[in-house]
């Protein structure tokens, strides 16, 4: 599960980096930046839903919260 989470985070950062690259490369003449940022938002939402699902099914537990 931890490898999957780290994989999602790497994909999110890669999408953010590609959006920055496209922003400087295309100078606003293309939609590649918007598509890369849309992909980043979609990946972030998928990661959030995955974390919620893993928490509710017991695959992830909170540690050190004192609760």
C-alpha atoms as a PDB file:
ATOM      1  CA  UNK A   1       0.000   0.000   0.000  1.00  0.00           C
ATOM      2  CA  UNK A   2       2.825   2.396   0.827  1.00  0.00           C
ATOM      3  CA  UNK A   3       4.442   1.785  -2.552  1.00  0.00           C
ATOM      4  CA  UNK A   4       1.159   2.654  -4.262  1.00  0.00           C
ATOM      5  CA  UNK A   5       0.902   5.909  -2.311  1.00  0.00           C
ATOM      6  CA  UNK A   6       4.497   6.870  -3.108  1.00  0.00           C
ATOM      7  CA  UNK A   7       3.855   6.000  -6.757  1.00  0.00           C
ATOM      8  CA  UNK A   8       0.858   8.319  -6.839  1.00  0.00           C
ATOM      9  CA  UNK A   9       2.902  11.111  -5.268  1.00  0.00           C
ATOM     10  CA  UNK A  10       5.656  10.664  -7.849  1.00  0.00           C
ATOM     11  CA  UNK A  11       3.101  10.776 -10.668  1.00  0.00           C
ATOM     12  CA  UNK A  12       1.555  13.934  -9.197  1.00  0.00           C
ATOM     13  CA  UNK A  13       4.950  15.640  -8.991  1.00  0.00           C
ATOM     14  CA  UNK A  14       5.840  14.523 -12.514  1.00  0.00           C
ATOM     15  CA  UNK A  15       2.589  15.963 -13.837  1.00  0.00           C
ATOM     16  CA  UNK A  16       3.242  19.231 -12.013  1.00  0.00           C
ATOM     17  CA  UNK A  17       6.760  19.360 -13.449  1.00  0.00           C
ATOM     18  CA  UNK A  18       5.532  18.695 -16.954  1.00  0.00           C
ATOM     19  CA  UNK A  19       2.941  21.465 -16.580  1.00  0.00           C
ATOM     20  CA  UNK A  20       5.701  23.867 -15.589  1.00  0.00           C
ATOM     21  CA  UNK A  21       7.789  22.750 -18.553  1.00  0.00           C
ATOM     22  CA  UNK A  22       4.870  23.164 -20.976  1.00  0.00           C
ATOM     23  CA  UNK A  23       4.092  26.574 -19.498  1.00  0.00           C
ATOM     24  CA  UNK A  24       7.567  27.858 -20.338  1.00  0.00           C
ATOM     25  CA  UNK A  25       7.936  25.923 -23.588  1.00  0.00           C
ATOM     26  CA  UNK A  26       4.604  26.800 -25.242  1.00  0.00           C
ATOM     27  CA  UNK A  27       4.259  30.362 -23.874  1.00  0.00           C
ATOM     28  CA  UNK A  28       0.464  30.053 -23.624  1.00  0.00           C
ATOM     29  CA  UNK A  29      -0.163  28.905 -27.194  1.00  0.00           C
ATOM     30  CA  UNK A  30      -1.103  25.345 -26.311  1.00  0.00           C
ATOM     31  CA  UNK A  31      -3.448  23.473 -23.982  1.00  0.00           C
ATOM     32  CA  UNK A  32      -0.778  21.035 -22.807  1.00  0.00           C
ATOM     33  CA  UNK A  33      -0.323  22.935 -19.532  1.00  0.00           C
ATOM     34  CA  UNK A  34      -4.031  22.752 -18.763  1.00  0.00           C
ATOM     35  CA  UNK A  35      -4.142  19.052 -19.562  1.00  0.00           C
ATOM     36  CA  UNK A  36      -1.132  18.349 -17.311  1.00  0.00           C
ATOM     37  CA  UNK A  37      -2.693  20.301 -14.442  1.00  0.00           C
ATOM     38  CA  UNK A  38      -6.024  18.542 -14.985  1.00  0.00           C
ATOM     39  CA  UNK A  39      -4.215  15.212 -14.790  1.00  0.00           C
ATOM     40  CA  UNK A  40      -2.546  16.336 -11.549  1.00  0.00           C
ATOM     41  CA  UNK A  41      -5.894  17.246 -10.004  1.00  0.00           C
ATOM     42  CA  UNK A  42      -7.364  13.914 -11.096  1.00  0.00           C
ATOM     43  CA  UNK A  43      -4.432  11.997  -9.615  1.00  0.00           C
ATOM     44  CA  UNK A  44      -4.712  13.952  -6.369  1.00  0.00           C
ATOM     45  CA  UNK A  45      -8.408  13.183  -6.102  1.00  0.00           C
ATOM     46  CA  UNK A  46      -7.779   9.510  -6.848  1.00  0.00           C
ATOM     47  CA  UNK A  47      -5.088   9.381  -4.158  1.00  0.00           C
ATOM     48  CA  UNK A  48      -7.409  11.026  -1.641  1.00  0.00           C
ATOM     49  CA  UNK A  49     -10.185   8.534  -2.414  1.00  0.00           C
ATOM     50  CA  UNK A  50      -7.703   5.657  -2.206  1.00  0.00           C
ATOM     51  CA  UNK A  51      -6.530   6.850   1.216  1.00  0.00           C
ATOM     52  CA  UNK A  52     -10.109   7.202   2.444  1.00  0.00           C
ATOM     53  CA  UNK A  53     -10.997   3.720   1.177  1.00  0.00           C
ATOM     54  CA  UNK A  54      -7.874   2.210   2.733  1.00  0.00           C
ATOM     55  CA  UNK A  55      -8.637   3.864   6.055  1.00  0.00           C
ATOM     56  CA  UNK A  56     -12.252   2.693   6.149  1.00  0.00           C
ATOM     57  CA  UNK A  57     -11.335  -0.874   5.181  1.00  0.00           C
ATOM     58  CA  UNK A  58      -8.565  -1.021   7.792  1.00  0.00           C
ATOM     59  CA  UNK A  59      -5.600  -1.210   5.440  1.00  0.00           C
ATOM     60  CA  UNK A  60      -4.258   2.060   6.861  1.00  0.00           C
ATOM     61  CA  UNK A  61      -4.422   2.953  10.519  1.00  0.00           C
ATOM     62  CA  UNK A  62      -3.608   6.165  12.330  1.00  0.00           C
ATOM     63  CA  UNK A  63      -0.644   5.930  14.665  1.00  0.00           C
ATOM     64  CA  UNK A  64       0.426   8.414  17.278  1.00  0.00           C
ATOM     65  CA  UNK A  65      -2.846  10.301  17.293  1.00  0.00           C
ATOM     66  CA  UNK A  66      -3.686   9.317  20.855  1.00  0.00           C
ATOM     67  CA  UNK A  67      -7.259   8.537  19.918  1.00  0.00           C
END
